[in-house]
Amino acid sequence: MINKSKILKDVQKFIAKSQWDKAIIEYEKILAESPNDANTFNTVGDLCLKRNDTEKAIESFKRSAEIFNKTGFTLKAIALYKKVLNINPD
């Protein structure tokens, strides 16, 4: 079992230093244990955009939207799909 609060503290330190890759690695530890955490996928997508990895950002946003849609949060899913369309209209 992971210590989520410690990971989130580490993530904040990495974000403060603009160390996007390290922050993403920490978030992926959370996703490994909680693969249906839509909010974390959304955050990873935002971090991927900061490091100009649009492909991985879109992948994360789509995964988050799928989870939100399956769990009844349709408006959140739509917002994420709009994010994807703003990044890549195709």
Protein backbone atom coordinates (compact mmCIF):
# COMPACT_ATOMS: atom_id res chain seq x y z
CA MET A 1 0.00 0.00 0.00
CA ILE A 2 1.30 3.42 -0.95
CA ASN A 3 1.43 6.45 1.30
CA LYS A 4 -0.71 8.80 -0.79
CA SER A 5 -0.22 11.83 1.45
CA LYS A 6 3.58 11.50 1.23
CA ILE A 7 3.40 11.15 -2.53
CA LEU A 8 1.23 14.25 -2.79
CA LYS A 9 3.68 16.23 -0.64
CA ASP A 10 6.51 15.13 -2.93
CA VAL A 11 4.43 16.09 -5.96
CA GLN A 12 3.92 19.60 -4.60
CA LYS A 13 7.66 19.99 -4.14
CA PHE A 14 8.32 18.85 -7.71
CA ILE A 15 5.64 21.15 -9.12
CA ALA A 16 7.05 24.11 -7.19
CA LYS A 17 10.39 23.44 -8.88
CA SER A 18 8.76 22.88 -12.31
CA GLN A 19 9.95 19.27 -12.31
CA TRP A 20 7.01 17.96 -14.31
CA ASP A 21 8.52 14.55 -15.12
CA LYS A 22 9.16 13.74 -11.47
CA ALA A 23 5.64 14.87 -10.51
CA ILE A 24 4.13 12.64 -13.21
CA ILE A 25 6.14 9.65 -11.99
CA GLU A 26 4.77 10.18 -8.48
CA TYR A 27 1.19 10.46 -9.77
CA GLU A 28 1.68 7.25 -11.74
CA LYS A 29 2.39 5.49 -8.44
CA ILE A 30 -1.07 6.56 -7.29
CA LEU A 31 -2.62 5.41 -10.57
CA ALA A 32 -0.95 2.02 -10.26
CA GLU A 33 -2.89 1.47 -7.05
CA SER A 34 -6.05 3.40 -8.03
CA PRO A 35 -6.46 2.92 -11.80
CA ASN A 36 -9.91 4.54 -11.80
CA ASP A 37 -8.87 7.86 -10.26
CA ALA A 38 -10.20 10.27 -12.88
CA ASN A 39 -8.95 13.37 -11.08
CA THR A 40 -5.39 12.06 -11.05
CA PHE A 41 -5.54 11.25 -14.77
CA ASN A 42 -6.74 14.81 -15.37
CA THR A 43 -3.86 16.22 -13.32
CA VAL A 44 -1.33 14.04 -15.15
CA GLY A 45 -2.74 15.36 -18.41
CA ASP A 46 -2.22 18.94 -17.24
CA LEU A 47 1.37 18.16 -16.24
CA CYS A 48 2.01 16.51 -19.60
CA LEU A 49 0.86 19.71 -21.31
CA LYS A 50 3.34 21.70 -19.23
CA ARG A 51 6.16 19.55 -20.57
CA ASN A 52 4.72 19.76 -24.13
CA ASP A 53 3.80 16.07 -24.35
CA THR A 54 0.44 16.56 -26.03
CA GLU A 55 0.05 12.91 -27.00
CA LYS A 56 0.29 11.67 -23.41
CA ALA A 57 -1.85 14.60 -22.22
CA ILE A 58 -4.64 13.65 -24.61
CA GLU A 59 -4.36 10.02 -23.54
CA SER A 60 -4.69 11.00 -19.87
CA PHE A 61 -7.60 13.37 -20.50
CA LYS A 62 -9.47 10.72 -22.51
CA ARG A 63 -8.94 8.12 -19.76
CA SER A 64 -10.20 10.58 -17.16
CA ALA A 65 -13.25 11.41 -19.30
CA GLU A 66 -14.06 7.71 -19.76
CA ILE A 67 -13.96 7.15 -16.00
CA PHE A 68 -16.09 10.22 -15.29
CA ASN A 69 -18.61 9.16 -17.92
CA LYS A 70 -18.87 5.60 -16.55
CA THR A 71 -19.38 6.89 -13.01
CA GLY A 72 -22.15 9.32 -13.99
CA PHE A 73 -20.19 12.57 -14.12
CA THR A 74 -21.11 13.34 -17.70
CA LEU A 75 -20.48 17.09 -17.49
CA LYS A 76 -16.93 16.51 -16.23
CA ALA A 77 -16.39 14.04 -19.07
CA ILE A 78 -17.62 16.59 -21.61
CA ALA A 79 -15.28 19.23 -20.17
CA LEU A 80 -12.34 16.86 -20.58
CA TYR A 81 -13.29 16.02 -24.16
CA LYS A 82 -13.39 19.78 -24.84
CA LYS A 83 -9.85 20.01 -23.44
CA VAL A 84 -8.80 17.31 -25.90
CA LEU A 85 -10.44 19.14 -28.80
CA ASN A 86 -8.67 22.38 -27.84
CA ILE A 87 -5.34 20.55 -27.95
CA ASN A 88 -6.06 18.63 -31.15
CA PRO A 89 -9.22 19.44 -33.11
CA ASP A 90 -8.85 16.28 -35.18
